[in-house]
């Protein structure tokens, strides 16, 4: 697994169905539709990698973002974690 992502989408928003498509990444869906959502990074840092392939004590990088439409209305909240196998941490973090 390269990453683990969770998405909370505002129900009823005009982009909700497009963002809920599990077969297509959000960015690809937006480009294909000609739409744009602003991404506001809320937080980024280091956390535990706690998925099935995790070794005890594995740490990973993460980022939380809020997607907003052209009226600055929140549309979705994203939490992305990168596998330490693909984005290893160094001692400088």
Protein backbone atom coordinates (compact mmCIF):
# COMPACT_ATOMS: atom_id res chain seq x y z
CA UNK A 1 0.00 0.00 0.00
CA UNK A 2 1.40 3.39 -1.02
CA UNK A 3 -0.97 5.58 0.98
CA UNK A 4 -4.12 5.54 3.06
CA UNK A 5 -6.61 8.33 2.52
CA UNK A 6 -9.89 9.19 4.18
CA UNK A 7 -12.36 11.68 2.73
CA UNK A 8 -15.40 13.22 4.42
CA UNK A 9 -17.65 14.85 1.83
CA UNK A 10 -20.40 17.40 2.51
CA UNK A 11 -23.64 15.60 1.62
CA UNK A 12 -25.77 17.37 -0.93
CA UNK A 13 -22.99 19.51 -2.40
CA UNK A 14 -23.04 19.60 -6.20
CA UNK A 15 -19.59 17.91 -6.28
CA UNK A 16 -20.44 15.19 -3.72
CA UNK A 17 -21.13 12.38 -6.22
CA UNK A 18 -18.00 13.15 -8.22
CA UNK A 19 -15.82 13.19 -5.08
CA UNK A 20 -17.37 9.95 -3.81
CA UNK A 21 -16.28 7.99 -6.90
CA UNK A 22 -13.93 5.39 -5.39
CA UNK A 23 -12.63 4.33 -8.82
CA UNK A 24 -11.16 7.70 -9.75
CA UNK A 25 -8.82 9.96 -7.75
CA UNK A 26 -10.37 13.29 -6.75
CA UNK A 27 -7.86 15.34 -8.75
CA UNK A 28 -8.55 13.34 -11.92
CA UNK A 29 -12.31 13.74 -11.44
CA UNK A 30 -12.00 17.51 -11.02
CA UNK A 31 -9.76 17.94 -14.08
CA UNK A 32 -12.05 15.78 -16.24
CA UNK A 33 -15.07 17.84 -15.20
CA UNK A 34 -13.31 21.18 -15.70
CA UNK A 35 -14.02 22.09 -12.06
CA UNK A 36 -11.63 23.49 -9.48
CA UNK A 37 -11.53 23.11 -5.71
CA UNK A 38 -9.11 25.11 -3.60
CA UNK A 39 -7.08 23.02 -1.16
CA UNK A 40 -6.30 24.53 2.22
CA UNK A 41 -3.71 22.53 4.18
CA UNK A 42 -4.87 22.39 7.78
CA UNK A 43 -2.06 20.35 9.25
CA UNK A 44 0.88 18.14 8.29
CA UNK A 45 3.25 16.08 10.35
CA UNK A 46 4.27 12.63 11.55
CA UNK A 47 1.96 9.97 12.98
CA UNK A 48 1.72 6.21 13.46
CA UNK A 49 1.32 4.05 10.37
CA UNK A 50 -1.31 1.69 11.73
CA UNK A 51 -2.40 -0.34 8.75
CA UNK A 52 -2.23 -4.07 8.03
CA UNK A 53 1.35 -3.97 6.73
CA UNK A 54 2.63 -1.90 9.68
CA UNK A 55 5.58 -2.99 11.75
CA UNK A 56 5.45 -2.15 15.44
CA UNK A 57 6.44 1.51 15.82
CA UNK A 58 6.27 2.46 12.12
CA UNK A 59 5.84 6.21 11.67
CA UNK A 60 4.62 8.04 8.57
CA UNK A 61 3.95 11.51 7.23
CA UNK A 62 0.40 12.81 6.92
CA UNK A 63 -1.46 15.85 5.64
CA UNK A 64 -4.99 17.09 6.40
CA UNK A 65 -6.68 19.42 3.94
CA UNK A 66 -9.99 21.13 3.37
CA UNK A 67 -11.37 21.41 -0.16
CA UNK A 68 -13.41 24.56 -0.87
CA UNK A 69 -15.50 25.46 -3.91
CA UNK A 70 -15.51 28.76 -5.84
CA UNK A 71 -17.71 30.34 -3.12
CA UNK A 72 -15.20 29.22 -0.45
CA UNK A 73 -17.76 26.74 0.87
CA UNK A 74 -16.21 23.62 2.43
CA UNK A 75 -16.78 20.59 0.22
CA UNK A 76 -14.58 17.86 1.72
CA UNK A 77 -12.00 17.08 4.38
CA UNK A 78 -9.04 14.88 3.38
CA UNK A 79 -6.54 13.01 5.53
CA UNK A 80 -3.66 11.46 3.61
CA UNK A 81 -1.00 9.19 5.09
CA UNK A 82 2.02 7.99 3.08
CA UNK A 83 3.40 4.52 3.71
CA UNK A 84 6.84 4.63 5.35
CA UNK A 85 7.93 2.14 2.66
CA UNK A 86 7.44 4.82 -0.01
CA UNK A 87 8.12 7.99 2.00
CA UNK A 88 10.61 6.93 4.67
CA UNK A 89 11.28 9.29 7.53
CA UNK A 90 14.78 10.48 8.26
CA UNK A 91 16.24 11.51 11.58
CA UNK A 92 16.02 15.20 10.59
CA UNK A 93 12.25 15.15 11.11
